Amino acid sequence: MMVSLDGFFEGLEHDLSWHNVDSEFNVFADKQLDESSTLVFGARTYKMMANFWPTEIGITAAPNTAKRMNSLDKIVFSRTLKKAEWNNTELHNGDISTVIQSAKEKPGKDIAVLGSSDLCLSLIKEGLLDEIRIMVNPVVLGRGKTLFSGITKQLKLELTNERTFKSGNVLLTYKLQK
């Protein structure tokens, strides 16, 4: 999850143009994808990713990332999408808990949720999110949607790792305590 220093997941009107991305971040992102066998998305993030990574623009912009994104298994949760045509994608409109629990029981690497803050909140509420990685960007937005908008109870987190990037980004990795 990318957040601004003042805790916003996205700016007004879903603006993500402030994301601080460079070559060091891209190497990190590829490593995260290598640690995963399944990607999970909500509808908005899925549409954004599916409209970029399989295209010539996505493949040319970041061929290594595109190869990973296009080949990994993907699960999409949506009440509005009727189909999901991106390679290796399952579309679900119902029971998040059952689908994710089933995916967790399969052999393989990590299951990663990329973006999809609303879906992450649902997974947190269901006790299905084990870890959250928050990439704090050195920017203050002042307005937008906060990362944990909608959480109504206290979450206890244990810091398990931190990493500072040359760009000023700071990655904080937390284990969610039950």
N, C-alpha and C. Protein backbone atom coordinates (compact mmCIF):
# COMPACT_ATOMS: atom_id res chain seq x y z
N MET A 1 0.84 -1.18 0.00
CA MET A 1 0.00 0.00 0.00
C MET A 1 0.88 1.24 0.00
N MET A 2 0.67 2.10 -0.95
CA MET A 2 1.37 3.38 -0.99
C MET A 2 0.53 4.39 -0.23
N VAL A 3 1.16 5.14 0.66
CA VAL A 3 0.46 6.20 1.38
C VAL A 3 1.32 7.46 1.38
N SER A 4 0.63 8.58 1.49
CA SER A 4 1.34 9.85 1.66
C SER A 4 1.77 9.96 3.12
N LEU A 5 2.66 10.88 3.39
CA LEU A 5 3.13 11.09 4.76
C LEU A 5 1.98 11.43 5.71
N ASP A 6 0.93 12.06 5.18
CA ASP A 6 -0.22 12.38 6.03
C ASP A 6 -1.30 11.30 5.98
N GLY A 7 -0.96 10.10 5.50
CA GLY A 7 -1.83 8.93 5.65
C GLY A 7 -2.86 8.69 4.57
N PHE A 8 -2.74 9.36 3.42
CA PHE A 8 -3.72 9.16 2.37
C PHE A 8 -3.29 8.06 1.40
N PHE A 9 -4.22 7.19 1.08
CA PHE A 9 -4.02 6.09 0.13
C PHE A 9 -4.14 6.60 -1.30
N GLU A 10 -5.05 7.55 -1.49
CA GLU A 10 -5.23 8.16 -2.80
C GLU A 10 -5.65 9.60 -2.61
N GLY A 11 -5.34 10.40 -3.60
CA GLY A 11 -5.75 11.80 -3.56
C GLY A 11 -7.20 11.93 -4.01
N LEU A 12 -7.63 13.16 -4.20
CA LEU A 12 -8.99 13.40 -4.66
C LEU A 12 -9.22 12.75 -6.02
N GLU A 13 -10.43 12.24 -6.23
CA GLU A 13 -10.81 11.58 -7.49
C GLU A 13 -9.88 10.43 -7.84
N HIS A 14 -9.45 9.68 -6.82
CA HIS A 14 -8.61 8.49 -6.98
C HIS A 14 -7.22 8.78 -7.55
N ASP A 15 -6.72 10.00 -7.35
CA ASP A 15 -5.43 10.40 -7.89
C ASP A 15 -4.29 9.61 -7.26
N LEU A 16 -3.48 8.98 -8.10
CA LEU A 16 -2.29 8.25 -7.66
C LEU A 16 -1.01 8.82 -8.29
N SER A 17 -1.11 9.97 -8.93
CA SER A 17 0.03 10.54 -9.65
C SER A 17 1.19 10.90 -8.72
N TRP A 18 0.96 10.96 -7.43
CA TRP A 18 1.98 11.33 -6.46
C TRP A 18 2.87 10.15 -6.05
N HIS A 19 2.55 8.94 -6.49
CA HIS A 19 3.37 7.78 -6.13
C HIS A 19 4.82 8.01 -6.55
N ASN A 20 5.72 7.79 -5.62
CA ASN A 20 7.14 8.02 -5.80
C ASN A 20 7.79 6.71 -6.26
N VAL A 21 7.90 6.54 -7.57
CA VAL A 21 8.36 5.29 -8.15
C VAL A 21 9.63 5.55 -8.96
N ASP A 22 10.65 4.72 -8.72
CA ASP A 22 11.90 4.83 -9.47
C ASP A 22 12.44 3.43 -9.70
N SER A 23 13.66 3.33 -10.21
CA SER A 23 14.22 2.01 -10.54
C SER A 23 14.40 1.15 -9.29
N GLU A 24 14.79 1.74 -8.17
CA GLU A 24 14.94 0.96 -6.94
C GLU A 24 13.59 0.40 -6.51
N PHE A 25 12.54 1.19 -6.62
CA PHE A 25 11.19 0.71 -6.29
C PHE A 25 10.79 -0.42 -7.24
N ASN A 26 11.09 -0.28 -8.53
CA ASN A 26 10.71 -1.31 -9.50
C ASN A 26 11.38 -2.64 -9.20
N VAL A 27 12.64 -2.61 -8.79
CA VAL A 27 13.34 -3.85 -8.40
C VAL A 27 12.65 -4.46 -7.18
N PHE A 28 12.31 -3.63 -6.21
CA PHE A 28 11.59 -4.08 -5.02
C PHE A 28 10.23 -4.69 -5.41
N ALA A 29 9.49 -4.03 -6.29
CA ALA A 29 8.17 -4.52 -6.71
C ALA A 29 8.29 -5.87 -7.39
N ASP A 30 9.30 -6.04 -8.25
CA ASP A 30 9.50 -7.32 -8.91
C ASP A 30 9.82 -8.42 -7.90
N LYS A 31 10.62 -8.10 -6.89
CA LYS A 31 10.94 -9.08 -5.85
C LYS A 31 9.68 -9.49 -5.10
N GLN A 32 8.81 -8.53 -4.80
CA GLN A 32 7.54 -8.87 -4.14
C GLN A 32 6.71 -9.80 -5.01
N LEU A 33 6.67 -9.53 -6.30
CA LEU A 33 5.91 -10.40 -7.20
C LEU A 33 6.52 -11.79 -7.26
N ASP A 34 7.85 -11.89 -7.19
CA ASP A 34 8.51 -13.20 -7.19
C ASP A 34 8.18 -14.01 -5.93
N GLU A 35 7.81 -13.31 -4.86
CA GLU A 35 7.44 -13.98 -3.60
C GLU A 35 5.98 -14.40 -3.57
N SER A 36 5.25 -14.10 -4.63
CA SER A 36 3.81 -14.35 -4.67
C SER A 36 3.45 -15.34 -5.76
N SER A 37 2.39 -16.09 -5.51
CA SER A 37 1.85 -16.96 -6.55
C SER A 37 0.45 -16.52 -6.97
N THR A 38 -0.18 -15.68 -6.15
CA THR A 38 -1.53 -15.20 -6.43
C THR A 38 -1.63 -13.73 -6.07
N LEU A 39 -2.26 -12.96 -6.96
CA LEU A 39 -2.54 -11.55 -6.71
C LEU A 39 -4.05 -11.39 -6.50
N VAL A 40 -4.42 -10.51 -5.60
CA VAL A 40 -5.84 -10.27 -5.30
C VAL A 40 -6.13 -8.79 -5.50
N PHE A 41 -7.25 -8.52 -6.16
CA PHE A 41 -7.64 -7.15 -6.48
C PHE A 41 -9.12 -6.92 -6.20
N GLY A 42 -9.46 -5.67 -5.93
CA GLY A 42 -10.82 -5.20 -6.03
C GLY A 42 -11.04 -4.76 -7.47
N ALA A 43 -12.27 -4.40 -7.81
CA ALA A 43 -12.62 -4.09 -9.20
C ALA A 43 -11.83 -2.91 -9.77
N ARG A 44 -11.74 -1.81 -9.04
CA ARG A 44 -11.09 -0.60 -9.57
C ARG A 44 -9.62 -0.87 -9.84
N THR A 45 -8.92 -1.49 -8.90
CA THR A 45 -7.50 -1.76 -9.10
C THR A 45 -7.30 -2.78 -10.21
N TYR A 46 -8.17 -3.78 -10.25
CA TYR A 46 -8.08 -4.78 -11.31
C TYR A 46 -8.18 -4.13 -12.69
N LYS A 47 -9.17 -3.27 -12.87
CA LYS A 47 -9.36 -2.62 -14.17
C LYS A 47 -8.13 -1.79 -14.55
N MET A 48 -7.58 -1.08 -13.58
CA MET A 48 -6.40 -0.27 -13.83
C MET A 48 -5.22 -1.16 -14.26
N MET A 49 -5.00 -2.26 -13.54
CA MET A 49 -3.88 -3.16 -13.84
C MET A 49 -4.11 -3.90 -15.16
N ALA A 50 -5.32 -4.41 -15.37
CA ALA A 50 -5.64 -5.17 -16.58
C ALA A 50 -5.61 -4.29 -17.83
N ASN A 51 -5.82 -2.99 -17.66
CA ASN A 51 -5.76 -2.07 -18.80
C ASN A 51 -4.34 -1.55 -19.06
N PHE A 52 -3.38 -1.97 -18.23
CA PHE A 52 -2.01 -1.52 -18.42
C PHE A 52 -1.04 -2.66 -18.72
N TRP A 53 -0.94 -3.65 -17.81
CA TRP A 53 0.15 -4.63 -17.90
C TRP A 53 0.11 -5.52 -19.14
N PRO A 54 -1.03 -5.93 -19.65
CA PRO A 54 -1.01 -6.76 -20.87
C PRO A 54 -0.82 -5.97 -22.16
N THR A 55 -0.80 -4.65 -22.07
CA THR A 55 -0.70 -3.82 -23.28
C THR A 55 0.75 -3.61 -23.70
N GLU A 56 0.93 -3.18 -24.91
CA GLU A 56 2.26 -2.87 -25.42
C GLU A 56 2.94 -1.80 -24.57
N ILE A 57 2.17 -0.81 -24.11
CA ILE A 57 2.72 0.25 -23.27
C ILE A 57 3.26 -0.32 -21.97
N GLY A 58 2.49 -1.19 -21.31
CA GLY A 58 2.92 -1.80 -20.05
C GLY A 58 4.12 -2.70 -20.23
N ILE A 59 4.08 -3.49 -21.28
CA ILE A 59 5.18 -4.43 -21.55
C ILE A 59 6.47 -3.67 -21.89
N THR A 60 6.35 -2.58 -22.63
CA THR A 60 7.52 -1.77 -22.98
C THR A 60 8.04 -0.99 -21.78
N ALA A 61 7.13 -0.46 -20.97
CA ALA A 61 7.52 0.37 -19.82
C ALA A 61 8.31 -0.42 -18.79
N ALA A 62 7.87 -1.64 -18.52
CA ALA A 62 8.53 -2.45 -17.49
C ALA A 62 8.36 -3.93 -17.85
N PRO A 63 9.18 -4.42 -18.78
CA PRO A 63 9.00 -5.79 -19.27
C PRO A 63 9.07 -6.87 -18.20
N ASN A 64 9.97 -6.72 -17.23
CA ASN A 64 10.09 -7.73 -16.17
C ASN A 64 8.84 -7.76 -15.30
N THR A 65 8.35 -6.59 -14.93
CA THR A 65 7.15 -6.52 -14.11
C THR A 65 5.95 -7.02 -14.90
N ALA A 66 5.84 -6.62 -16.15
CA ALA A 66 4.72 -7.05 -16.99
C ALA A 66 4.67 -8.57 -17.11
N LYS A 67 5.82 -9.18 -17.30
CA LYS A 67 5.87 -10.64 -17.42
C LYS A 67 5.31 -11.29 -16.15
N ARG A 68 5.72 -10.79 -15.01
CA ARG A 68 5.24 -11.34 -13.74
C ARG A 68 3.74 -11.09 -13.56
N MET A 69 3.32 -9.84 -13.78
CA MET A 69 1.92 -9.49 -13.59
C MET A 69 1.01 -10.30 -14.50
N ASN A 70 1.43 -10.51 -15.72
CA ASN A 70 0.60 -11.22 -16.69
C ASN A 70 0.57 -12.72 -16.47
N SER A 71 1.58 -13.28 -15.81
CA SER A 71 1.62 -14.74 -15.65
C SER A 71 1.07 -15.23 -14.31
N LEU A 72 1.06 -14.38 -13.29
CA LEU A 72 0.58 -14.82 -11.98
C LEU A 72 -0.92 -15.07 -11.98
N ASP A 73 -1.37 -15.97 -11.09
CA ASP A 73 -2.80 -16.17 -10.87
C ASP A 73 -3.37 -14.92 -10.22
N LYS A 74 -4.61 -14.59 -10.58
CA LYS A 74 -5.24 -13.40 -10.05
C LYS A 74 -6.66 -13.73 -9.59
N ILE A 75 -7.05 -13.15 -8.47
CA ILE A 75 -8.42 -13.25 -7.96
C ILE A 75 -8.96 -11.84 -7.88
N VAL A 76 -10.15 -11.63 -8.43
CA VAL A 76 -10.78 -10.32 -8.42
C VAL A 76 -12.12 -10.43 -7.71
N PHE A 77 -12.36 -9.51 -6.79
CA PHE A 77 -13.65 -9.43 -6.11
C PHE A 77 -14.38 -8.19 -6.63
N SER A 78 -15.59 -8.42 -7.14
CA SER A 78 -16.38 -7.31 -7.67
C SER A 78 -17.85 -7.67 -7.71
N ARG A 79 -18.67 -6.71 -7.37
CA ARG A 79 -20.13 -6.87 -7.53
C ARG A 79 -20.59 -6.29 -8.86
N THR A 80 -19.70 -5.57 -9.55
CA THR A 80 -20.09 -4.88 -10.78
C THR A 80 -19.51 -5.50 -12.05
N LEU A 81 -18.32 -6.06 -11.99
CA LEU A 81 -17.72 -6.67 -13.18
C LEU A 81 -18.48 -7.92 -13.58
N LYS A 82 -18.70 -8.09 -14.86
CA LYS A 82 -19.37 -9.28 -15.39
C LYS A 82 -18.38 -10.31 -15.89
N LYS A 83 -17.18 -9.85 -16.26
CA LYS A 83 -16.14 -10.75 -16.74
C LYS A 83 -14.77 -10.17 -16.42
N ALA A 84 -13.79 -11.06 -16.37
CA ALA A 84 -12.41 -10.67 -16.12
C ALA A 84 -11.56 -11.46 -17.11
N GLU A 85 -11.09 -10.78 -18.13
CA GLU A 85 -10.42 -11.47 -19.24
C GLU A 85 -8.91 -11.49 -19.17
N TRP A 86 -8.32 -10.82 -18.18
CA TRP A 86 -6.87 -10.83 -18.05
C TRP A 86 -6.42 -12.25 -17.75
N ASN A 87 -5.33 -12.65 -18.32
CA ASN A 87 -4.78 -13.99 -18.17
C ASN A 87 -4.77 -14.48 -16.72
N ASN A 88 -5.20 -15.71 -16.49
CA ASN A 88 -5.15 -16.38 -15.18
C ASN A 88 -5.98 -15.67 -14.11
N THR A 89 -7.14 -15.15 -14.47
CA THR A 89 -7.96 -14.40 -13.53
C THR A 89 -9.26 -15.11 -13.21
N GLU A 90 -9.56 -15.20 -11.92
CA GLU A 90 -10.86 -15.70 -11.43
C GLU A 90 -11.64 -14.51 -10.91
N LEU A 91 -12.90 -14.41 -11.30
CA LEU A 91 -13.76 -13.34 -10.84
C LEU A 91 -14.74 -13.89 -9.81
N HIS A 92 -14.85 -13.20 -8.68
CA HIS A 92 -15.77 -13.60 -7.61
C HIS A 92 -16.59 -12.39 -7.18
N ASN A 93 -17.85 -12.62 -6.91
CA ASN A 93 -18.68 -11.51 -6.45
C ASN A 93 -19.31 -11.79 -5.09
N GLY A 94 -18.84 -12.84 -4.45
CA GLY A 94 -19.47 -13.22 -3.20
C GLY A 94 -18.53 -13.31 -2.03
N ASP A 95 -18.57 -14.44 -1.40
CA ASP A 95 -17.95 -14.69 -0.12
C ASP A 95 -16.42 -14.58 -0.15
N ILE A 96 -15.93 -13.41 0.23
CA ILE A 96 -14.49 -13.16 0.25
C ILE A 96 -13.80 -14.15 1.17
N SER A 97 -14.38 -14.38 2.31
CA SER A 97 -13.77 -15.24 3.33
C SER A 97 -13.50 -16.65 2.79
N THR A 98 -14.49 -17.25 2.16
CA THR A 98 -14.35 -18.62 1.64
C THR A 98 -13.30 -18.68 0.54
N VAL A 99 -13.33 -17.73 -0.37
CA VAL A 99 -12.39 -17.73 -1.50
C VAL A 99 -10.95 -17.56 -1.01
N ILE A 100 -10.72 -16.61 -0.13
CA ILE A 100 -9.36 -16.36 0.35
C ILE A 100 -8.87 -17.51 1.23
N GLN A 101 -9.72 -18.03 2.08
CA GLN A 101 -9.32 -19.17 2.91
C GLN A 101 -8.93 -20.35 2.04
N SER A 102 -9.69 -20.60 0.98
CA SER A 102 -9.37 -21.68 0.05
C SER A 102 -8.03 -21.42 -0.64
N ALA A 103 -7.78 -20.19 -1.06
CA ALA A 103 -6.51 -19.85 -1.71
C ALA A 103 -5.34 -20.02 -0.75
N LYS A 104 -5.55 -19.68 0.52
CA LYS A 104 -4.49 -19.83 1.52
C LYS A 104 -4.13 -21.29 1.76
N GLU A 105 -5.08 -22.19 1.57
CA GLU A 105 -4.84 -23.61 1.81
C GLU A 105 -4.10 -24.29 0.66
N LYS A 106 -4.06 -23.66 -0.50
CA LYS A 106 -3.36 -24.22 -1.65
C LYS A 106 -1.86 -24.06 -1.47
N PRO A 107 -1.07 -25.02 -1.97
CA PRO A 107 0.38 -24.85 -1.91
C PRO A 107 0.80 -23.72 -2.83
N GLY A 108 1.88 -23.08 -2.47
CA GLY A 108 2.39 -21.99 -3.30
C GLY A 108 3.03 -20.92 -2.45
N LYS A 109 3.30 -19.84 -3.09
CA LYS A 109 3.95 -18.72 -2.42
C LYS A 109 2.89 -17.83 -1.78
N ASP A 110 3.27 -16.60 -1.46
CA ASP A 110 2.36 -15.66 -0.82
C ASP A 110 1.19 -15.28 -1.70
N ILE A 111 0.14 -14.83 -1.07
CA ILE A 111 -0.99 -14.20 -1.73
C ILE A 111 -0.84 -12.71 -1.46
N ALA A 112 -0.79 -11.91 -2.50
CA ALA A 112 -0.55 -10.47 -2.34
C ALA A 112 -1.75 -9.68 -2.82
N VAL A 113 -2.14 -8.72 -2.01
CA VAL A 113 -3.18 -7.77 -2.41
C VAL A 113 -2.45 -6.50 -2.81
N LEU A 114 -2.64 -6.07 -4.05
CA LEU A 114 -1.98 -4.86 -4.54
C LEU A 114 -3.02 -3.75 -4.61
N GLY A 115 -2.76 -2.68 -3.89
CA GLY A 115 -3.75 -1.59 -3.86
C GLY A 115 -5.01 -2.09 -3.19
N SER A 116 -6.16 -1.75 -3.77
CA SER A 116 -7.44 -2.30 -3.31
C SER A 116 -7.66 -2.08 -1.82
N SER A 117 -7.63 -0.83 -1.39
CA SER A 117 -7.73 -0.54 0.04
C SER A 117 -9.05 -1.01 0.65
N ASP A 118 -10.16 -0.87 -0.08
CA ASP A 118 -11.45 -1.32 0.46
C ASP A 118 -11.45 -2.83 0.67
N LEU A 119 -10.89 -3.56 -0.28
CA LEU A 119 -10.78 -5.01 -0.15
C LEU A 119 -9.90 -5.37 1.04
N CYS A 120 -8.79 -4.67 1.21
CA CYS A 120 -7.91 -4.92 2.36
C CYS A 120 -8.64 -4.72 3.67
N LEU A 121 -9.48 -3.70 3.74
CA LEU A 121 -10.25 -3.47 4.97
C LEU A 121 -11.19 -4.64 5.22
N SER A 122 -11.82 -5.16 4.18
CA SER A 122 -12.68 -6.34 4.34
C SER A 122 -11.87 -7.54 4.82
N LEU A 123 -10.69 -7.72 4.27
CA LEU A 123 -9.83 -8.84 4.68
C LEU A 123 -9.37 -8.68 6.13
N ILE A 124 -9.08 -7.46 6.53
CA ILE A 124 -8.69 -7.20 7.92
C ILE A 124 -9.85 -7.53 8.85
N LYS A 125 -11.04 -7.06 8.49
CA LYS A 125 -12.23 -7.31 9.33
C LYS A 125 -12.53 -8.80 9.46
N GLU A 126 -12.22 -9.57 8.42
CA GLU A 126 -12.46 -11.02 8.43
C GLU A 126 -11.30 -11.79 9.06
N GLY A 127 -10.23 -11.09 9.43
CA GLY A 127 -9.07 -11.76 10.01
C GLY A 127 -8.26 -12.54 8.99
N LEU A 128 -8.32 -12.16 7.73
CA LEU A 128 -7.66 -12.90 6.66
C LEU A 128 -6.38 -12.26 6.14
N LEU A 129 -6.04 -11.10 6.64
CA LEU A 129 -4.81 -10.43 6.23
C LEU A 129 -3.76 -10.65 7.31
N ASP A 130 -2.66 -11.28 6.94
CA ASP A 130 -1.62 -11.61 7.90
C ASP A 130 -0.60 -10.49 8.08
N GLU A 131 -0.36 -9.77 7.00
CA GLU A 131 0.70 -8.77 7.00
C GLU A 131 0.27 -7.61 6.11
N ILE A 132 0.72 -6.42 6.46
CA ILE A 132 0.47 -5.26 5.61
C ILE A 132 1.79 -4.52 5.42
N ARG A 133 2.06 -4.20 4.17
CA ARG A 133 3.26 -3.45 3.83
C ARG A 133 2.82 -2.06 3.39
N ILE A 134 3.29 -1.07 4.12
CA ILE A 134 2.90 0.31 3.85
C ILE A 134 4.14 1.07 3.37
N MET A 135 4.06 1.58 2.14
CA MET A 135 5.15 2.36 1.57
C MET A 135 4.80 3.83 1.75
N VAL A 136 5.45 4.48 2.71
CA VAL A 136 5.19 5.89 2.98
C VAL A 136 6.00 6.73 1.99
N ASN A 137 5.29 7.54 1.22
CA ASN A 137 5.91 8.41 0.22
C ASN A 137 6.16 9.78 0.84
N PRO A 138 7.28 10.42 0.50
CA PRO A 138 7.60 11.73 1.07
C PRO A 138 6.81 12.86 0.40
N VAL A 139 5.50 12.82 0.59
CA VAL A 139 4.62 13.83 0.02
C VAL A 139 3.44 14.01 0.98
N VAL A 140 2.96 15.22 1.10
CA VAL A 140 1.77 15.51 1.90
C VAL A 140 0.67 15.93 0.93
N LEU A 141 -0.47 15.23 0.98
CA LEU A 141 -1.57 15.52 0.06
C LEU A 141 -2.59 16.49 0.63
N GLY A 142 -2.81 16.42 1.92
CA GLY A 142 -3.78 17.32 2.54
C GLY A 142 -5.22 16.84 2.44
N ARG A 143 -5.55 16.14 1.38
CA ARG A 143 -6.92 15.63 1.19
C ARG A 143 -6.86 14.33 0.40
N GLY A 144 -7.91 13.55 0.53
CA GLY A 144 -8.02 12.30 -0.20
C GLY A 144 -8.67 11.24 0.67
N LYS A 145 -8.36 10.00 0.37
CA LYS A 145 -8.91 8.87 1.11
C LYS A 145 -7.81 8.27 1.98
N THR A 146 -8.09 8.15 3.27
CA THR A 146 -7.08 7.57 4.16
C THR A 146 -7.02 6.06 3.96
N LEU A 147 -5.88 5.49 4.26
CA LEU A 147 -5.68 4.07 4.06
C LEU A 147 -6.65 3.23 4.87
N PHE A 148 -6.90 3.60 6.09
CA PHE A 148 -7.75 2.79 6.96
C PHE A 148 -9.15 3.38 7.13
N SER A 149 -9.60 4.15 6.16
CA SER A 149 -10.94 4.72 6.20
C SER A 149 -11.96 3.58 6.27
N GLY A 150 -12.77 3.58 7.31
CA GLY A 150 -13.77 2.53 7.47
C GLY A 150 -13.48 1.57 8.60
N ILE A 151 -12.26 1.61 9.15
CA ILE A 151 -11.95 0.77 10.30
C ILE A 151 -12.57 1.42 11.54
N THR A 152 -13.35 0.64 12.26
CA THR A 152 -14.07 1.19 13.41
C THR A 152 -13.57 0.66 14.75
N LYS A 153 -12.57 -0.20 14.71
CA LYS A 153 -12.00 -0.69 15.96
C LYS A 153 -10.48 -0.59 15.88
N GLN A 154 -9.86 -0.60 17.01
CA GLN A 154 -8.41 -0.47 17.07
C GLN A 154 -7.75 -1.70 16.47
N LEU A 155 -6.73 -1.47 15.66
CA LEU A 155 -5.92 -2.55 15.11
C LEU A 155 -4.58 -2.54 15.82
N LYS A 156 -4.15 -3.69 16.26
CA LYS A 156 -2.82 -3.80 16.87
C LYS A 156 -1.89 -4.42 15.84
N LEU A 157 -0.78 -3.73 15.62
CA LEU A 157 0.18 -4.14 14.61
C LEU A 157 1.55 -4.29 15.25
N GLU A 158 2.30 -5.23 14.73
CA GLU A 158 3.68 -5.43 15.19
C GLU A 158 4.62 -5.15 14.03
N LEU A 159 5.50 -4.17 14.18
CA LEU A 159 6.47 -3.84 13.14
C LEU A 159 7.46 -5.00 13.02
N THR A 160 7.55 -5.57 11.82
CA THR A 160 8.46 -6.71 11.61
C THR A 160 9.63 -6.36 10.70
N ASN A 161 9.51 -5.25 9.96
CA ASN A 161 10.60 -4.86 9.07
C ASN A 161 10.41 -3.41 8.65
N GLU A 162 11.50 -2.78 8.33
CA GLU A 162 11.46 -1.42 7.78
C GLU A 162 12.60 -1.29 6.79
N ARG A 163 12.37 -0.47 5.80
CA ARG A 163 13.40 -0.24 4.78
C ARG A 163 13.25 1.17 4.25
N THR A 164 14.37 1.85 4.14
CA THR A 164 14.38 3.20 3.58
C THR A 164 14.95 3.14 2.17
N PHE A 165 14.28 3.79 1.25
CA PHE A 165 14.71 3.85 -0.14
C PHE A 165 15.41 5.19 -0.39
N LYS A 166 16.29 5.21 -1.38
CA LYS A 166 17.02 6.44 -1.71
C LYS A 166 16.07 7.57 -2.09
N SER A 167 14.91 7.24 -2.61
CA SER A 167 13.92 8.23 -3.03
C SER A 167 13.25 8.95 -1.87
N GLY A 168 13.44 8.42 -0.65
CA GLY A 168 12.75 8.96 0.51
C GLY A 168 11.56 8.12 0.93
N ASN A 169 11.16 7.16 0.10
CA ASN A 169 10.10 6.23 0.50
C ASN A 169 10.59 5.41 1.68
N VAL A 170 9.67 5.06 2.57
CA VAL A 170 9.98 4.18 3.69
C VAL A 170 8.95 3.07 3.70
N LEU A 171 9.44 1.83 3.64
CA LEU A 171 8.57 0.66 3.68
C LEU A 171 8.47 0.18 5.12
N LEU A 172 7.26 0.09 5.62
CA LEU A 172 6.99 -0.44 6.96
C LEU A 172 6.18 -1.71 6.81
N THR A 173 6.67 -2.80 7.36
CA THR A 173 5.98 -4.07 7.27
C THR A 173 5.45 -4.43 8.66
N TYR A 174 4.16 -4.70 8.72
CA TYR A 174 3.50 -5.00 10.00
C TYR A 174 2.80 -6.33 9.93
N LYS A 175 2.87 -7.05 11.04
CA LYS A 175 2.07 -8.25 11.23
C LYS A 175 0.82 -7.81 11.98
N LEU A 176 -0.33 -8.25 11.52
CA LEU A 176 -1.57 -7.93 12.21
C LEU A 176 -1.73 -8.88 13.39
N GLN A 177 -1.89 -8.36 14.56
CA GLN A 177 -2.06 -9.18 15.75
C GLN A 177 -3.52 -9.54 15.88
N LYS A 178 -3.76 -10.77 16.23
CA LYS A 178 -5.15 -11.28 16.36
C LYS A 178 -5.70 -10.93 17.72
